[in-house]
Each structure stands twice: as structure tokens, then as C-alpha cells.
Amino acid sequence: MTAVKVSIFAAGYCTSPEHLAIQGGRWRDIRFPAMFALFEHPKFGAMLFDTGYSYRFFNATRHFPERLYRMMTPVTLREEQLAVNQLSTVNIKPADITKVFISHFHADHVAALGDFPRAKYVYLPSAYDSVRNLRGLEALSHAHLPGLIPNDFAERAAPINASASVPLPQEYAPFTRGFDLLGDESLLAVELPGHATGQIGMFAREESGVA
């Protein structure tokens, strides 16, 4: 089994009342970092899991009704927090990214998709199908901003074959099935129903074990 190097970053954050995300939470606002991960694979090169926020979020929410998104979840993002700038600190250029694995299509996960010109977009078909035709208030009700989807998304899309799940070893419990994304068990995606349709999480096999 191939091992990958994993690095975790956050490209900005939004704030929202704690009780909306945590059962029994307080009414005060808390921060929700826009996390993304860099996977460095000996064969497939540099890949990302999500992208965090980018300035495209502010462009996509300039007008109503999309501006309601920004009002409900105010975003803080500094220049040095942009994914492309953080990756440059570890000598990764935008064109080096070969794949972006998309957990789901909420803005804090896809806002920087357009920053990586050579990347293939990998996701569960049900995730994109659930939002691809939504606009206006209906899109907002699904926390989706169509303006964040690159114009060439269809040409670069590489959806996961949802019927090709594989059994997982006991070490991945409670998950029993997943998707071997690269064919070498280094990156295994699992379905995470509840937060968004078609959402996936990721297990990565590092030299020290599974992360």
C-alpha cells in the first residue's frame, strides 16, 4: 500500500451561532475554519481535499439574494490564508495540483476551485447533482453559490463511480465500505450523510498509519 504525505491548512473562517452547528450549543457566534488538506503522492503528485475560501466568495455574494449567504455566515479571509499562497510556502504551485477531491459543494469547500488550472475535480455524483441546477434562493437554501463553480467544471470533472465501493478493513470502523480513489488504498473516501447530499470524508494512509 502506498503512503502519502498529508498537510492540513485553513483558508479563512466564517462565524455562525454555535447552536446551529452543535446540539445544545450556545447562542454566541463561534468560528468555523475553512479547512483543506494537501496530499503529496509519489505517483499522482500534489492533490487537495477541498480548497477553503477565496476572494471569489465575496464576488459571488455581492448582490441579493446571494448576499444573504455572506450576512448569515460572515467570512474573514486574509491574503496569506488563500490556498494558493499557503501552498506556495511548501513549494507547491497552482498548476502542480492534479486533483481536487470535493467533500461537498458548500462555499467554504469549493470557493478556490478555479485557482487550480490543471486539476481534475473528484466528487460523488449525487453531491453535484443535488445543487447543479439550483439558482437564487433555492441555491442558498442548500448553502450553494453557483458562481463558485468554474466555467470548465464539466470538462475537468472526474466523478467517483458510486457503484464501485470496496469493503474496508476493521481499522476503518464504523465505516464498512469506501471508494479507493487512486487504486492503491492510499486515499479512501467514505460517505458522510447528514450535513450535505453526497458528502464524503477521507482516510489517508501515511507512513505512520491511517489519518
Protein backbone atom coordinates (compact mmCIF):
# COMPACT_ATOMS: atom_id res chain seq x y z
CA MET A 1 0.00 0.00 0.00
CA THR A 2 1.28 3.43 -0.95
CA ALA A 3 1.74 6.14 1.68
CA VAL A 4 1.01 9.84 1.16
CA LYS A 5 2.17 12.95 2.98
CA VAL A 6 -0.72 14.93 4.48
CA SER A 7 -0.67 18.62 5.42
CA ILE A 8 -3.68 20.45 6.87
CA PHE A 9 -4.47 24.14 6.28
CA ALA A 10 -7.33 26.61 6.81
CA ALA A 11 -8.21 29.27 4.23
CA GLY A 12 -10.17 31.75 6.31
CA TYR A 13 -13.18 31.16 8.53
CA CYS A 14 -16.81 32.08 8.93
CA THR A 15 -18.76 32.80 12.08
CA SER A 16 -22.18 31.45 12.99
CA PRO A 17 -24.17 30.82 16.18
CA GLU A 18 -22.89 27.77 17.99
CA HIS A 19 -26.35 26.28 18.49
CA LEU A 20 -26.88 25.98 14.73
CA ALA A 21 -24.00 23.51 14.47
CA ILE A 22 -23.82 21.85 17.87
CA GLN A 23 -26.78 20.33 19.66
CA GLY A 24 -27.19 22.16 22.94
CA GLY A 25 -24.76 24.86 21.80
CA ARG A 26 -24.89 28.45 22.95
CA TRP A 27 -26.32 31.40 21.03
CA ARG A 28 -22.96 33.16 20.75
CA ASP A 29 -21.05 33.17 17.47
CA ILE A 30 -18.09 30.83 17.06
CA ARG A 31 -15.52 30.39 14.27
CA PHE A 32 -15.71 27.64 11.69
CA PRO A 33 -12.32 27.34 9.94
CA ALA A 34 -12.43 26.54 6.21
CA MET A 35 -10.12 23.54 6.30
CA PHE A 36 -8.40 21.93 3.34
CA ALA A 37 -5.76 19.22 3.02
CA LEU A 38 -2.75 18.74 0.77
CA PHE A 39 -1.93 15.16 -0.24
CA GLU A 40 1.51 14.51 -1.74
CA HIS A 41 1.59 11.16 -3.54
CA PRO A 42 4.71 9.58 -5.09
CA LYS A 43 2.87 8.79 -8.34
CA PHE A 44 -0.08 11.21 -8.61
CA GLY A 45 1.70 14.27 -7.24
CA ALA A 46 0.04 17.05 -5.25
CA MET A 47 -3.72 16.86 -4.66
CA LEU A 48 -6.19 18.73 -2.47
CA PHE A 49 -9.17 17.77 -0.36
CA ASP A 50 -11.40 20.86 -0.62
CA THR A 51 -10.00 24.38 -1.06
CA GLY A 52 -11.24 26.67 1.71
CA TYR A 53 -12.44 30.20 0.94
CA SER A 54 -11.12 32.53 -1.75
CA TYR A 55 -11.95 36.09 -2.78
CA ARG A 56 -14.42 34.57 -5.22
CA PHE A 57 -16.75 34.14 -2.25
CA PHE A 58 -17.03 37.92 -1.88
CA ASN A 59 -17.57 38.40 -5.61
CA ALA A 60 -20.25 35.71 -5.67
CA THR A 61 -22.12 37.36 -2.76
CA ARG A 62 -22.07 40.98 -3.87
CA HIS A 63 -25.74 41.07 -4.84
CA PHE A 64 -29.01 39.78 -3.42
CA PRO A 65 -30.15 37.15 -2.84
CA GLU A 66 -26.60 35.68 -2.69
CA ARG A 67 -25.51 38.45 -0.32
CA LEU A 68 -27.70 36.80 2.33
CA TYR A 69 -25.12 33.99 2.45
CA ARG A 70 -22.40 36.45 3.46
CA MET A 71 -24.68 38.09 6.02
CA MET A 72 -25.64 34.79 7.65
CA THR A 73 -22.09 33.43 7.77
CA PRO A 74 -19.68 36.41 7.77
CA VAL A 75 -16.30 35.39 6.34
CA THR A 76 -12.84 36.54 7.41
CA LEU A 77 -10.04 35.87 4.93
CA ARG A 78 -6.54 37.34 4.75
CA GLU A 79 -4.27 37.33 1.70
CA GLU A 80 -1.78 34.95 3.25
CA GLN A 81 -4.58 32.48 4.03
CA LEU A 82 -5.54 31.89 0.40
CA ALA A 83 -4.89 28.28 -0.58
CA VAL A 84 -2.53 29.26 -3.40
CA ASN A 85 -0.45 31.41 -1.03
CA GLN A 86 -0.26 28.80 1.72
CA LEU A 87 0.72 26.12 -0.79
CA SER A 88 3.50 28.36 -2.11
CA THR A 89 5.14 28.20 1.33
CA VAL A 90 5.68 24.46 0.76
CA ASN A 91 6.80 24.97 -2.86
CA ILE A 92 3.51 23.86 -4.45
CA LYS A 93 2.32 25.93 -7.43
CA PRO A 94 -1.35 26.05 -8.56
CA ALA A 95 -0.51 24.10 -11.73
CA ASP A 96 1.08 21.34 -9.61
CA ILE A 97 -2.31 20.29 -8.23
CA THR A 98 -3.50 17.28 -10.23
CA LYS A 99 -6.79 16.57 -8.44
CA VAL A 100 -9.16 18.34 -6.07
CA PHE A 101 -11.33 15.95 -4.08
CA ILE A 102 -14.55 17.76 -3.19
CA SER A 103 -16.23 16.74 0.06
CA HIS A 104 -19.42 18.66 -0.87
CA PHE A 105 -20.39 21.87 -2.61
CA HIS A 106 -20.79 24.40 0.20
CA ALA A 107 -18.88 27.64 -0.39
CA ASP A 108 -16.16 27.09 2.23
CA HIS A 109 -15.17 23.87 0.46
CA VAL A 110 -15.17 24.93 -3.21
CA ALA A 111 -14.53 28.69 -3.34
CA ALA A 112 -10.99 28.27 -4.72
CA LEU A 113 -11.64 25.54 -7.30
CA GLY A 114 -10.85 27.98 -10.09
CA ASP A 115 -7.34 28.63 -8.75
CA PHE A 116 -6.01 25.26 -9.89
CA PRO A 117 -5.96 25.23 -13.71
CA ARG A 118 -4.86 21.62 -14.28
CA ALA A 119 -6.78 19.84 -11.53
CA LYS A 120 -9.43 17.22 -12.10
CA TYR A 121 -12.47 17.54 -9.85
CA VAL A 122 -13.36 14.35 -7.97
CA TYR A 123 -16.66 14.03 -6.11
CA LEU A 124 -19.69 11.79 -5.64
CA PRO A 125 -22.20 12.39 -8.46
CA SER A 126 -25.07 12.80 -6.01
CA ALA A 127 -23.28 15.75 -4.38
CA TYR A 128 -23.13 17.82 -7.56
CA ASP A 129 -26.45 16.57 -8.92
CA SER A 130 -28.16 17.91 -5.80
CA VAL A 131 -27.08 21.51 -6.50
CA ARG A 132 -26.09 21.84 -10.17
CA ASN A 133 -29.44 23.24 -11.34
CA LEU A 134 -30.20 25.40 -8.31
CA ARG A 135 -30.25 29.18 -8.51
CA GLY A 136 -31.23 32.10 -6.32
CA LEU A 137 -32.95 31.41 -3.01
CA GLU A 138 -33.22 27.70 -3.74
CA ALA A 139 -29.43 27.50 -4.11
CA LEU A 140 -28.97 29.48 -0.90
CA SER A 141 -31.21 27.05 0.96
CA HIS A 142 -28.60 24.41 0.09
CA ALA A 143 -25.65 26.68 1.02
CA HIS A 144 -24.60 26.69 -2.63
CA LEU A 145 -23.21 29.55 -4.71
CA PRO A 146 -23.31 28.67 -8.43
CA GLY A 147 -20.82 31.46 -9.17
CA LEU A 148 -18.08 29.47 -7.44
CA ILE A 149 -18.24 26.64 -9.96
CA PRO A 150 -15.60 27.15 -12.71
CA ASN A 151 -16.84 27.52 -16.28
CA ASP A 152 -14.84 24.45 -17.33
CA PHE A 153 -16.05 22.29 -14.45
CA ALA A 154 -17.73 19.75 -16.74
CA GLU A 155 -14.57 19.32 -18.83
CA ARG A 156 -12.46 18.65 -15.74
CA ALA A 157 -14.99 16.62 -13.78
CA ALA A 158 -13.94 13.12 -12.73
CA PRO A 159 -16.88 11.88 -10.62
CA ILE A 160 -16.46 8.84 -8.41
CA ASN A 161 -18.15 5.67 -9.61
CA ALA A 162 -20.73 5.39 -6.84
CA SER A 163 -21.30 1.69 -7.61
CA ALA A 164 -17.63 0.78 -7.16
CA SER A 165 -17.30 0.84 -3.39
CA VAL A 166 -14.94 -1.62 -1.73
CA PRO A 167 -15.06 -3.33 1.68
CA LEU A 168 -12.90 -1.68 4.32
CA PRO A 169 -10.73 -3.39 6.95
CA GLN A 170 -11.75 -3.28 10.60
CA GLU A 171 -9.35 -0.40 11.28
CA TYR A 172 -11.78 1.91 9.45
CA ALA A 173 -14.75 1.06 11.69
CA PRO A 174 -17.52 2.12 11.93
CA PHE A 175 -17.18 2.55 8.16
CA THR A 176 -17.51 -0.74 6.31
CA ARG A 177 -17.29 0.39 2.68
CA GLY A 178 -15.48 3.15 0.82
CA PHE A 179 -14.02 4.27 -2.50
CA ASP A 180 -10.40 3.56 -3.40
CA LEU A 181 -9.76 6.84 -5.18
CA LEU A 182 -6.30 6.10 -6.60
CA GLY A 183 -6.40 2.31 -6.81
CA ASP A 184 -3.62 1.79 -4.25
CA GLU A 185 -5.55 2.20 -0.96
CA SER A 186 -3.65 5.38 -0.15
CA LEU A 187 -6.80 7.55 -0.25
CA LEU A 188 -10.15 6.05 0.70
CA ALA A 189 -13.31 8.13 0.59
CA VAL A 190 -16.33 7.30 2.76
CA GLU A 191 -19.86 8.67 2.64
CA LEU A 192 -20.82 11.10 5.40
CA PRO A 193 -24.60 11.57 5.11
CA GLY A 194 -26.40 14.29 7.00
CA HIS A 195 -24.69 17.65 6.50
CA ALA A 196 -24.96 17.71 2.71
CA THR A 197 -26.13 15.32 0.00
CA GLY A 198 -23.29 13.14 -1.26
CA GLN A 199 -20.75 14.41 1.25
CA ILE A 200 -17.56 12.39 1.59
CA GLY A 201 -14.78 12.18 4.15
CA MET A 202 -11.29 10.91 3.52
CA PHE A 203 -8.89 8.40 5.03
CA ALA A 204 -5.27 8.90 4.01
CA ARG A 205 -2.56 6.31 4.60
CA GLU A 206 0.56 7.99 5.90
CA GLU A 207 3.81 6.20 6.72
CA SER A 208 2.82 6.38 10.40
CA GLY A 209 -0.62 4.90 9.79
CA VAL A 210 -4.12 5.96 8.74
CA ALA A 211 -5.15 9.61 9.20
